[in-house]
Amino acid sequence: MTSSEGPIERRLHEKIVAEFSPAKYSIVNDSPAHAGHAGAQQAAKGESHFSISIVSESFVGMSRLERNRAVHRLLAEELLGQLHALSLTLQSPDEVEKDA
């Protein structure tokens, strides 16, 4: 985490690490690219659009849909009140090795 992260991004980091113990993850705040977008204007201080990539053992044996549902359940509060858009890339470590 960096000092330039806002409170929503920090909360995303904390929740993802606690829930999925990721081998690797990244959270990118895409909000500046959507500054004129109606949903971005309603969101909290430039934290409305995120791209999240997670590599975790937690995803082994789960379908793509199950993985997305798990992340959506985890971030339900943020999705209901603050996030306008969320892009997810969710993989198990085995899948990353196959893609390499």
PDB file of N, CA and C in Angstrom:
ATOM      1  N   MET A   1       0.840  -1.182   0.000  1.00  0.00           N
ATOM      2  CA  MET A   1       0.000   0.000   0.000  1.00  0.00           C
ATOM      3  C   MET A   1       0.880   1.239   0.000  1.00  0.00           C
ATOM      4  N   THR A   2       0.359   2.293  -0.572  1.00  0.00           N
ATOM      5  CA  THR A   2       1.086   3.548  -0.609  1.00  0.00           C
ATOM      6  C   THR A   2       0.273   4.630   0.079  1.00  0.00           C
ATOM      7  N   SER A   3       0.941   5.733   0.406  1.00  0.00           N
ATOM      8  CA  SER A   3       0.256   6.820   1.097  1.00  0.00           C
ATOM      9  C   SER A   3      -0.756   7.519   0.206  1.00  0.00           C
ATOM     10  N   SER A   4      -0.693   7.316  -1.110  1.00  0.00           N
ATOM     11  CA  SER A   4      -1.630   7.968  -2.027  1.00  0.00           C
ATOM     12  C   SER A   4      -2.967   7.224  -2.134  1.00  0.00           C
ATOM     13  N   GLU A   5      -3.053   6.076  -1.490  1.00  0.00           N
ATOM     14  CA  GLU A   5      -4.292   5.305  -1.531  1.00  0.00           C
ATOM     15  C   GLU A   5      -5.355   5.972  -0.671  1.00  0.00           C
ATOM     16  N   GLY A   6      -6.573   5.941  -1.180  1.00  0.00           N
ATOM     17  CA  GLY A   6      -7.688   6.464  -0.416  1.00  0.00           C
ATOM     18  C   GLY A   6      -8.237   5.409   0.523  1.00  0.00           C
ATOM     19  N   PRO A   7      -9.224   5.779   1.332  1.00  0.00           N
ATOM     20  CA  PRO A   7      -9.770   4.842   2.315  1.00  0.00           C
ATOM     21  C   PRO A   7     -10.441   3.610   1.706  1.00  0.00           C
ATOM     22  N   ILE A   8     -11.082   3.748   0.570  1.00  0.00           N
ATOM     23  CA  ILE A   8     -11.726   2.593  -0.062  1.00  0.00           C
ATOM     24  C   ILE A   8     -10.679   1.613  -0.558  1.00  0.00           C
ATOM     25  N   GLU A   9      -9.661   2.117  -1.228  1.00  0.00           N
ATOM     26  CA  GLU A   9      -8.600   1.247  -1.727  1.00  0.00           C
ATOM     27  C   GLU A   9      -7.889   0.525  -0.572  1.00  0.00           C
ATOM     28  N   ARG A  10      -7.632   1.220   0.526  1.00  0.00           N
ATOM     29  CA  ARG A  10      -7.016   0.580   1.690  1.00  0.00           C
ATOM     30  C   ARG A  10      -7.908  -0.537   2.232  1.00  0.00           C
ATOM     31  N   ARG A  11      -9.207  -0.285   2.286  1.00  0.00           N
ATOM     32  CA  ARG A  11     -10.145  -1.296   2.775  1.00  0.00           C
ATOM     33  C   ARG A  11     -10.167  -2.506   1.848  1.00  0.00           C
ATOM     34  N   LEU A  12     -10.098  -2.273   0.524  1.00  0.00           N
ATOM     35  CA  LEU A  12     -10.046  -3.382  -0.427  1.00  0.00           C
ATOM     36  C   LEU A  12      -8.812  -4.244  -0.159  1.00  0.00           C
ATOM     37  N   HIS A  13      -7.649  -3.594   0.016  1.00  0.00           N
ATOM     38  CA  HIS A  13      -6.413  -4.326   0.325  1.00  0.00           C
ATOM     39  C   HIS A  13      -6.590  -5.178   1.571  1.00  0.00           C
ATOM     40  N   GLU A  14      -7.079  -4.563   2.645  1.00  0.00           N
ATOM     41  CA  GLU A  14      -7.217  -5.268   3.920  1.00  0.00           C
ATOM     42  C   GLU A  14      -8.135  -6.481   3.795  1.00  0.00           C
ATOM     43  N   LYS A  15      -9.273  -6.308   3.157  1.00  0.00           N
ATOM     44  CA  LYS A  15     -10.236  -7.401   3.027  1.00  0.00           C
ATOM     45  C   LYS A  15      -9.700  -8.528   2.170  1.00  0.00           C
ATOM     46  N   ILE A  16      -9.072  -8.202   1.053  1.00  0.00           N
ATOM     47  CA  ILE A  16      -8.551  -9.224   0.145  1.00  0.00           C
ATOM     48  C   ILE A  16      -7.452 -10.042   0.808  1.00  0.00           C
ATOM     49  N   VAL A  17      -6.528  -9.377   1.489  1.00  0.00           N
ATOM     50  CA  VAL A  17      -5.445 -10.091   2.162  1.00  0.00           C
ATOM     51  C   VAL A  17      -5.999 -10.989   3.265  1.00  0.00           C
ATOM     52  N   ALA A  18      -6.931 -10.481   4.053  1.00  0.00           N
ATOM     53  CA  ALA A  18      -7.494 -11.261   5.153  1.00  0.00           C
ATOM     54  C   ALA A  18      -8.291 -12.465   4.672  1.00  0.00           C
ATOM     55  N   GLU A  19      -9.054 -12.297   3.593  1.00  0.00           N
ATOM     56  CA  GLU A  19      -9.941 -13.365   3.125  1.00  0.00           C
ATOM     57  C   GLU A  19      -9.248 -14.410   2.256  1.00  0.00           C
ATOM     58  N   PHE A  20      -8.378 -13.966   1.351  1.00  0.00           N
ATOM     59  CA  PHE A  20      -7.823 -14.874   0.342  1.00  0.00           C
ATOM     60  C   PHE A  20      -6.346 -15.216   0.534  1.00  0.00           C
ATOM     61  N   SER A  21      -5.642 -14.574   1.457  1.00  0.00           N
ATOM     62  CA  SER A  21      -4.208 -14.817   1.654  1.00  0.00           C
ATOM     63  C   SER A  21      -3.509 -14.986   0.302  1.00  0.00           C
ATOM     64  N   PRO A  22      -3.592 -13.983  -0.563  1.00  0.00           N
ATOM     65  CA  PRO A  22      -3.105 -14.151  -1.930  1.00  0.00           C
ATOM     66  C   PRO A  22      -1.596 -14.354  -2.036  1.00  0.00           C
ATOM     67  N   ALA A  23      -1.206 -15.190  -2.988  1.00  0.00           N
ATOM     68  CA  ALA A  23       0.200 -15.347  -3.322  1.00  0.00           C
ATOM     69  C   ALA A  23       0.683 -14.086  -4.036  1.00  0.00           C
ATOM     70  N   LYS A  24      -0.252 -13.467  -4.744  1.00  0.00           N
ATOM     71  CA  LYS A  24       0.039 -12.247  -5.498  1.00  0.00           C
ATOM     72  C   LYS A  24      -1.290 -11.540  -5.728  1.00  0.00           C
ATOM     73  N   TYR A  25      -1.272 -10.208  -5.673  1.00  0.00           N
ATOM     74  CA  TYR A  25      -2.485  -9.462  -5.991  1.00  0.00           C
ATOM     75  C   TYR A  25      -2.127  -8.025  -6.349  1.00  0.00           C
ATOM     76  N   SER A  26      -3.020  -7.394  -7.055  1.00  0.00           N
ATOM     77  CA  SER A  26      -2.850  -5.967  -7.352  1.00  0.00           C
ATOM     78  C   SER A  26      -4.227  -5.318  -7.387  1.00  0.00           C
ATOM     79  N   ILE A  27      -4.238  -4.087  -6.969  1.00  0.00           N
ATOM     80  CA  ILE A  27      -5.445  -3.276  -7.018  1.00  0.00           C
ATOM     81  C   ILE A  27      -5.068  -1.983  -7.717  1.00  0.00           C
ATOM     82  N   VAL A  28      -5.751  -1.703  -8.818  1.00  0.00           N
ATOM     83  CA  VAL A  28      -5.472  -0.490  -9.590  1.00  0.00           C
ATOM     84  C   VAL A  28      -6.708   0.394  -9.558  1.00  0.00           C
ATOM     85  N   ASN A  29      -6.518   1.624  -9.131  1.00  0.00           N
ATOM     86  CA  ASN A  29      -7.605   2.597  -9.116  1.00  0.00           C
ATOM     87  C   ASN A  29      -7.706   3.200 -10.515  1.00  0.00           C
ATOM     88  N   ASP A  30      -8.728   2.790 -11.252  1.00  0.00           N
ATOM     89  CA  ASP A  30      -8.948   3.277 -12.617  1.00  0.00           C
ATOM     90  C   ASP A  30      -9.822   4.528 -12.647  1.00  0.00           C
ATOM     91  N   SER A  31     -10.189   5.044 -11.501  1.00  0.00           N
ATOM     92  CA  SER A  31     -11.137   6.152 -11.409  1.00  0.00           C
ATOM     93  C   SER A  31     -10.741   7.402 -12.182  1.00  0.00           C
ATOM     94  N   PRO A  32      -9.461   7.814 -12.174  1.00  0.00           N
ATOM     95  CA  PRO A  32      -9.112   9.028 -12.914  1.00  0.00           C
ATOM     96  C   PRO A  32      -9.479   8.969 -14.404  1.00  0.00           C
ATOM     97  N   ALA A  33      -9.476   7.783 -14.975  1.00  0.00           N
ATOM     98  CA  ALA A  33      -9.836   7.631 -16.389  1.00  0.00           C
ATOM     99  C   ALA A  33     -11.337   7.785 -16.621  1.00  0.00           C
ATOM    100  N   HIS A  34     -12.105   7.825 -15.555  1.00  0.00           N
ATOM    101  CA  HIS A  34     -13.564   7.906 -15.652  1.00  0.00           C
ATOM    102  C   HIS A  34     -14.107   9.152 -14.964  1.00  0.00           C
ATOM    103  N   ALA A  35     -13.284  10.166 -14.833  1.00  0.00           N
ATOM    104  CA  ALA A  35     -13.634  11.357 -14.045  1.00  0.00           C
ATOM    105  C   ALA A  35     -14.924  12.029 -14.499  1.00  0.00           C
ATOM    106  N   GLY A  36     -15.246  12.028 -15.772  1.00  0.00           N
ATOM    107  CA  GLY A  36     -16.454  12.689 -16.257  1.00  0.00           C
ATOM    108  C   GLY A  36     -17.683  11.812 -16.252  1.00  0.00           C
ATOM    109  N   HIS A  37     -17.509  10.558 -15.936  1.00  0.00           N
ATOM    110  CA  HIS A  37     -18.582   9.563 -15.946  1.00  0.00           C
ATOM    111  C   HIS A  37     -19.551   9.817 -14.797  1.00  0.00           C
ATOM    112  N   ALA A  38     -20.833   9.671 -15.034  1.00  0.00           N
ATOM    113  CA  ALA A  38     -21.861   9.957 -14.021  1.00  0.00           C
ATOM    114  C   ALA A  38     -21.655   9.146 -12.749  1.00  0.00           C
ATOM    115  N   GLY A  39     -21.351   7.873 -12.866  1.00  0.00           N
ATOM    116  CA  GLY A  39     -21.133   7.034 -11.694  1.00  0.00           C
ATOM    117  C   GLY A  39     -19.934   7.473 -10.889  1.00  0.00           C
ATOM    118  N   ALA A  40     -18.906   7.950 -11.571  1.00  0.00           N
ATOM    119  CA  ALA A  40     -17.701   8.407 -10.886  1.00  0.00           C
ATOM    120  C   ALA A  40     -17.986   9.684 -10.105  1.00  0.00           C
ATOM    121  N   GLN A  41     -18.841  10.528 -10.622  1.00  0.00           N
ATOM    122  CA  GLN A  41     -19.170  11.785  -9.943  1.00  0.00           C
ATOM    123  C   GLN A  41     -19.901  11.526  -8.642  1.00  0.00           C
ATOM    124  N   GLN A  42     -20.671  10.445  -8.573  1.00  0.00           N
ATOM    125  CA  GLN A  42     -21.426  10.129  -7.371  1.00  0.00           C
ATOM    126  C   GLN A  42     -20.579   9.398  -6.337  1.00  0.00           C
ATOM    127  N   ALA A  43     -19.477   8.831  -6.749  1.00  0.00           N
ATOM    128  CA  ALA A  43     -18.657   8.014  -5.853  1.00  0.00           C
ATOM    129  C   ALA A  43     -17.765   8.881  -4.968  1.00  0.00           C
ATOM    130  N   ALA A  44     -17.230   8.242  -3.943  1.00  0.00           N
ATOM    131  CA  ALA A  44     -16.436   8.934  -2.931  1.00  0.00           C
ATOM    132  C   ALA A  44     -15.060   9.331  -3.439  1.00  0.00           C
ATOM    133  N   LYS A  45     -14.827  10.601  -3.595  1.00  0.00           N
ATOM    134  CA  LYS A  45     -13.512  11.204  -3.821  1.00  0.00           C
ATOM    135  C   LYS A  45     -12.597  10.433  -4.756  1.00  0.00           C
ATOM    136  N   GLY A  46     -13.040  10.119  -5.949  1.00  0.00           N
ATOM    137  CA  GLY A  46     -12.174   9.492  -6.942  1.00  0.00           C
ATOM    138  C   GLY A  46     -11.867   8.041  -6.713  1.00  0.00           C
ATOM    139  N   GLU A  47     -12.694   7.349  -5.980  1.00  0.00           N
ATOM    140  CA  GLU A  47     -12.488   5.922  -5.751  1.00  0.00           C
ATOM    141  C   GLU A  47     -13.754   5.179  -6.154  1.00  0.00           C
ATOM    142  N   SER A  48     -13.941   5.055  -7.463  1.00  0.00           N
ATOM    143  CA  SER A  48     -15.176   4.461  -7.966  1.00  0.00           C
ATOM    144  C   SER A  48     -14.954   3.287  -8.911  1.00  0.00           C
ATOM    145  N   HIS A  49     -13.809   3.245  -9.572  1.00  0.00           N
ATOM    146  CA  HIS A  49     -13.520   2.213 -10.577  1.00  0.00           C
ATOM    147  C   HIS A  49     -12.199   1.526 -10.214  1.00  0.00           C
ATOM    148  N   PHE A  50     -12.237   0.195 -10.079  1.00  0.00           N
ATOM    149  CA  PHE A  50     -11.028  -0.549  -9.729  1.00  0.00           C
ATOM    150  C   PHE A  50     -10.867  -1.793 -10.590  1.00  0.00           C
ATOM    151  N   SER A  51      -9.611  -2.127 -10.861  1.00  0.00           N
ATOM    152  CA  SER A  51      -9.247  -3.402 -11.478  1.00  0.00           C
ATOM    153  C   SER A  51      -8.468  -4.177 -10.426  1.00  0.00           C
ATOM    154  N   ILE A  52      -8.920  -5.386 -10.138  1.00  0.00           N
ATOM    155  CA  ILE A  52      -8.299  -6.200  -9.101  1.00  0.00           C
ATOM    156  C   ILE A  52      -7.877  -7.538  -9.702  1.00  0.00           C
ATOM    157  N   SER A  53      -6.646  -7.914  -9.415  1.00  0.00           N
ATOM    158  CA  SER A  53      -6.110  -9.207  -9.840  1.00  0.00           C
ATOM    159  C   SER A  53      -5.665  -9.946  -8.581  1.00  0.00           C
ATOM    160  N   ILE A  54      -6.115 -11.185  -8.432  1.00  0.00           N
ATOM    161  CA  ILE A  54      -5.767 -11.984  -7.258  1.00  0.00           C
ATOM    162  C   ILE A  54      -5.335 -13.381  -7.707  1.00  0.00           C
ATOM    163  N   VAL A  55      -4.206 -13.827  -7.179  1.00  0.00           N
ATOM    164  CA  VAL A  55      -3.758 -15.210  -7.349  1.00  0.00           C
ATOM    165  C   VAL A  55      -3.781 -15.821  -5.959  1.00  0.00           C
ATOM    166  N   SER A  56      -4.620 -16.842  -5.774  1.00  0.00           N
ATOM    167  CA  SER A  56      -4.785 -17.414  -4.442  1.00  0.00           C
ATOM    168  C   SER A  56      -5.122 -18.900  -4.499  1.00  0.00           C
ATOM    169  N   GLU A  57      -4.598 -19.635  -3.526  1.00  0.00           N
ATOM    170  CA  GLU A  57      -4.953 -21.051  -3.354  1.00  0.00           C
ATOM    171  C   GLU A  57      -6.444 -21.195  -3.065  1.00  0.00           C
ATOM    172  N   SER A  58      -7.062 -20.146  -2.538  1.00  0.00           N
ATOM    173  CA  SER A  58      -8.495 -20.175  -2.226  1.00  0.00           C
ATOM    174  C   SER A  58      -9.347 -20.476  -3.453  1.00  0.00           C
ATOM    175  N   PHE A  59      -8.815 -20.194  -4.636  1.00  0.00           N
ATOM    176  CA  PHE A  59      -9.583 -20.359  -5.869  1.00  0.00           C
ATOM    177  C   PHE A  59      -9.470 -21.754  -6.486  1.00  0.00           C
ATOM    178  N   VAL A  60      -8.627 -22.603  -5.918  1.00  0.00           N
ATOM    179  CA  VAL A  60      -8.467 -23.965  -6.440  1.00  0.00           C
ATOM    180  C   VAL A  60      -9.804 -24.698  -6.339  1.00  0.00           C
ATOM    181  N   GLY A  61     -10.226 -25.294  -7.445  1.00  0.00           N
ATOM    182  CA  GLY A  61     -11.469 -26.055  -7.480  1.00  0.00           C
ATOM    183  C   GLY A  61     -12.718 -25.215  -7.636  1.00  0.00           C
ATOM    184  N   MET A  62     -12.567 -23.906  -7.724  1.00  0.00           N
ATOM    185  CA  MET A  62     -13.719 -23.025  -7.891  1.00  0.00           C
ATOM    186  C   MET A  62     -13.857 -22.635  -9.364  1.00  0.00           C
ATOM    187  N   SER A  63     -15.086 -22.523  -9.827  1.00  0.00           N
ATOM    188  CA  SER A  63     -15.326 -22.030 -11.186  1.00  0.00           C
ATOM    189  C   SER A  63     -15.099 -20.516 -11.218  1.00  0.00           C
ATOM    190  N   ARG A  64     -15.035 -19.993 -12.403  1.00  0.00           N
ATOM    191  CA  ARG A  64     -14.878 -18.541 -12.566  1.00  0.00           C
ATOM    192  C   ARG A  64     -16.031 -17.804 -11.877  1.00  0.00           C
ATOM    193  N   LEU A  65     -17.234 -18.304 -12.038  1.00  0.00           N
ATOM    194  CA  LEU A  65     -18.402 -17.688 -11.418  1.00  0.00           C
ATOM    195  C   LEU A  65     -18.311 -17.737  -9.891  1.00  0.00           C
ATOM    196  N   GLU A  66     -17.906 -18.869  -9.342  1.00  0.00           N
ATOM    197  CA  GLU A  66     -17.771 -19.000  -7.891  1.00  0.00           C
ATOM    198  C   GLU A  66     -16.729 -18.025  -7.337  1.00  0.00           C
ATOM    199  N   ARG A  67     -15.653 -17.846  -8.065  1.00  0.00           N
ATOM    200  CA  ARG A  67     -14.609 -16.907  -7.641  1.00  0.00           C
ATOM    201  C   ARG A  67     -15.144 -15.479  -7.622  1.00  0.00           C
ATOM    202  N   ASN A  68     -15.827 -15.113  -8.697  1.00  0.00           N
ATOM    203  CA  ASN A  68     -16.386 -13.761  -8.765  1.00  0.00           C
ATOM    204  C   ASN A  68     -17.404 -13.543  -7.649  1.00  0.00           C
ATOM    205  N   ARG A  69     -18.224 -14.532  -7.393  1.00  0.00           N
ATOM    206  CA  ARG A  69     -19.212 -14.413  -6.310  1.00  0.00           C
ATOM    207  C   ARG A  69     -18.532 -14.252  -4.959  1.00  0.00           C
ATOM    208  N   ALA A  70     -17.443 -14.967  -4.741  1.00  0.00           N
ATOM    209  CA  ALA A  70     -16.723 -14.869  -3.465  1.00  0.00           C
ATOM    210  C   ALA A  70     -16.184 -13.457  -3.252  1.00  0.00           C
ATOM    211  N   VAL A  71     -15.635 -12.868  -4.305  1.00  0.00           N
ATOM    212  CA  VAL A  71     -15.103 -11.503  -4.191  1.00  0.00           C
ATOM    213  C   VAL A  71     -16.248 -10.510  -4.028  1.00  0.00           C
ATOM    214  N   HIS A  72     -17.317 -10.694  -4.759  1.00  0.00           N
ATOM    215  CA  HIS A  72     -18.473  -9.795  -4.635  1.00  0.00           C
ATOM    216  C   HIS A  72     -19.088  -9.869  -3.235  1.00  0.00           C
ATOM    217  N   ARG A  73     -19.151 -11.071  -2.661  1.00  0.00           N
ATOM    218  CA  ARG A  73     -19.655 -11.193  -1.276  1.00  0.00           C
ATOM    219  C   ARG A  73     -18.748 -10.434  -0.310  1.00  0.00           C
ATOM    220  N   LEU A  74     -17.438 -10.603  -0.493  1.00  0.00           N
ATOM    221  CA  LEU A  74     -16.467  -9.949   0.376  1.00  0.00           C
ATOM    222  C   LEU A  74     -16.576  -8.429   0.302  1.00  0.00           C
ATOM    223  N   LEU A  75     -16.813  -7.918  -0.904  1.00  0.00           N
ATOM    224  CA  LEU A  75     -16.835  -6.464  -1.123  1.00  0.00           C
ATOM    225  C   LEU A  75     -18.251  -5.911  -1.254  1.00  0.00           C
ATOM    226  N   ALA A  76     -19.234  -6.629  -0.727  1.00  0.00           N
ATOM    227  CA  ALA A  76     -20.638  -6.231  -0.877  1.00  0.00           C
ATOM    228  C   ALA A  76     -20.902  -4.817  -0.381  1.00  0.00           C
ATOM    229  N   GLU A  77     -20.365  -4.460   0.751  1.00  0.00           N
ATOM    230  CA  GLU A  77     -20.592  -3.122   1.307  1.00  0.00           C
ATOM    231  C   GLU A  77     -20.067  -2.041   0.363  1.00  0.00           C
ATOM    232  N   GLU A  78     -18.880  -2.241  -0.158  1.00  0.00           N
ATOM    233  CA  GLU A  78     -18.288  -1.261  -1.081  1.00  0.00           C
ATOM    234  C   GLU A  78     -19.051  -1.213  -2.395  1.00  0.00           C
ATOM    235  N   LEU A  79     -19.478  -2.366  -2.880  1.00  0.00           N
ATOM    236  CA  LEU A  79     -20.212  -2.409  -4.147  1.00  0.00           C
ATOM    237  C   LEU A  79     -21.570  -1.729  -4.046  1.00  0.00           C
ATOM    238  N   LEU A  80     -22.195  -1.817  -2.905  1.00  0.00           N
ATOM    239  CA  LEU A  80     -23.508  -1.203  -2.721  1.00  0.00           C
ATOM    240  C   LEU A  80     -23.429   0.306  -2.550  1.00  0.00           C
ATOM    241  N   GLY A  81     -22.365   0.787  -1.946  1.00  0.00           N
ATOM    242  CA  GLY A  81     -22.355   2.198  -1.625  1.00  0.00           C
ATOM    243  C   GLY A  81     -21.318   3.052  -2.296  1.00  0.00           C
ATOM    244  N   GLN A  82     -20.190   2.471  -2.737  1.00  0.00           N
ATOM    245  CA  GLN A  82     -19.101   3.318  -3.182  1.00  0.00           C
ATOM    246  C   GLN A  82     -18.531   2.975  -4.552  1.00  0.00           C
ATOM    247  N   LEU A  83     -18.452   1.708  -4.869  1.00  0.00           N
ATOM    248  CA  LEU A  83     -17.838   1.317  -6.137  1.00  0.00           C
ATOM    249  C   LEU A  83     -18.856   1.367  -7.264  1.00  0.00           C
ATOM    250  N   HIS A  84     -18.427   1.900  -8.378  1.00  0.00           N
ATOM    251  CA  HIS A  84     -19.284   1.965  -9.555  1.00  0.00           C
ATOM    252  C   HIS A  84     -18.916   0.863 -10.551  1.00  0.00           C
ATOM    253  N   ALA A  85     -17.625   0.500 -10.598  1.00  0.00           N
ATOM    254  CA  ALA A  85     -17.172  -0.512 -11.553  1.00  0.00           C
ATOM    255  C   ALA A  85     -16.028  -1.318 -10.948  1.00  0.00           C
ATOM    256  N   LEU A  86     -16.051  -2.622 -11.209  1.00  0.00           N
ATOM    257  CA  LEU A  86     -15.038  -3.520 -10.682  1.00  0.00           C
ATOM    258  C   LEU A  86     -14.680  -4.548 -11.741  1.00  0.00           C
ATOM    259  N   SER A  87     -13.413  -4.595 -12.105  1.00  0.00           N
ATOM    260  CA  SER A  87     -12.912  -5.572 -13.061  1.00  0.00           C
ATOM    261  C   SER A  87     -12.065  -6.580 -12.290  1.00  0.00           C
ATOM    262  N   LEU A  88     -12.343  -7.870 -12.470  1.00  0.00           N
ATOM    263  CA  LEU A  88     -11.666  -8.901 -11.696  1.00  0.00           C
ATOM    264  C   LEU A  88     -10.920  -9.893 -12.582  1.00  0.00           C
ATOM    265  N   THR A  89      -9.697 -10.232 -12.179  1.00  0.00           N
ATOM    266  CA  THR A  89      -8.932 -11.335 -12.746  1.00  0.00           C
ATOM    267  C   THR A  89      -8.555 -12.210 -11.564  1.00  0.00           C
ATOM    268  N   LEU A  90      -9.116 -13.424 -11.520  1.00  0.00           N
ATOM    269  CA  LEU A  90      -8.974 -14.295 -10.353  1.00  0.00           C
ATOM    270  C   LEU A  90      -8.431 -15.643 -10.794  1.00  0.00           C
ATOM    271  N   GLN A  91      -7.246 -16.016 -10.268  1.00  0.00           N
ATOM    272  CA  GLN A  91      -6.606 -17.256 -10.690  1.00  0.00           C
ATOM    273  C   GLN A  91      -6.037 -18.012  -9.496  1.00  0.00           C
ATOM    274  N   SER A  92      -5.893 -19.311  -9.672  1.00  0.00           N
ATOM    275  CA  SER A  92      -5.155 -20.123  -8.707  1.00  0.00           C
ATOM    276  C   SER A  92      -3.687 -20.099  -9.137  1.00  0.00           C
ATOM    277  N   PRO A  93      -2.760 -20.410  -8.231  1.00  0.00           N
ATOM    278  CA  PRO A  93      -1.340 -20.435  -8.610  1.00  0.00           C
ATOM    279  C   PRO A  93      -1.046 -21.406  -9.763  1.00  0.00           C
ATOM    280  N   ASP A  94      -1.741 -22.534  -9.806  1.00  0.00           N
ATOM    281  CA  ASP A  94      -1.549 -23.504 -10.888  1.00  0.00           C
ATOM    282  C   ASP A  94      -1.880 -22.894 -12.242  1.00  0.00           C
ATOM    283  N   GLU A  95      -2.929 -22.121 -12.305  1.00  0.00           N
ATOM    284  CA  GLU A  95      -3.333 -21.501 -13.559  1.00  0.00           C
ATOM    285  C   GLU A  95      -2.316 -20.480 -14.030  1.00  0.00           C
ATOM    286  N   VAL A  96      -1.704 -19.774 -13.105  1.00  0.00           N
ATOM    287  CA  VAL A  96      -0.670 -18.793 -13.463  1.00  0.00           C
ATOM    288  C   VAL A  96       0.521 -19.509 -14.062  1.00  0.00           C
ATOM    289  N   GLU A  97       0.913 -20.646 -13.465  1.00  0.00           N
ATOM    290  CA  GLU A  97       2.037 -21.433 -13.983  1.00  0.00           C
ATOM    291  C   GLU A  97       1.757 -21.955 -15.374  1.00  0.00           C
ATOM    292  N   LYS A  98       0.516 -22.389 -15.640  1.00  0.00           N
ATOM    293  CA  LYS A  98       0.151 -22.895 -16.969  1.00  0.00           C
ATOM    294  C   LYS A  98       0.225 -21.793 -18.014  1.00  0.00           C
ATOM    295  N   ASP A  99      -0.133 -20.569 -17.625  1.00  0.00           N
ATOM    296  CA  ASP A  99      -0.134 -19.430 -18.553  1.00  0.00           C
ATOM    297  C   ASP A  99       1.266 -18.916 -18.828  1.00  0.00           C
ATOM    298  N   ALA A 100       2.227 -19.260 -17.972  1.00  0.00           N
ATOM    299  CA  ALA A 100       3.596 -18.724 -18.109  1.00  0.00           C
ATOM    300  C   ALA A 100       4.332 -19.369 -19.247  1.00  0.00           C
TER     301      ALA A 100
END
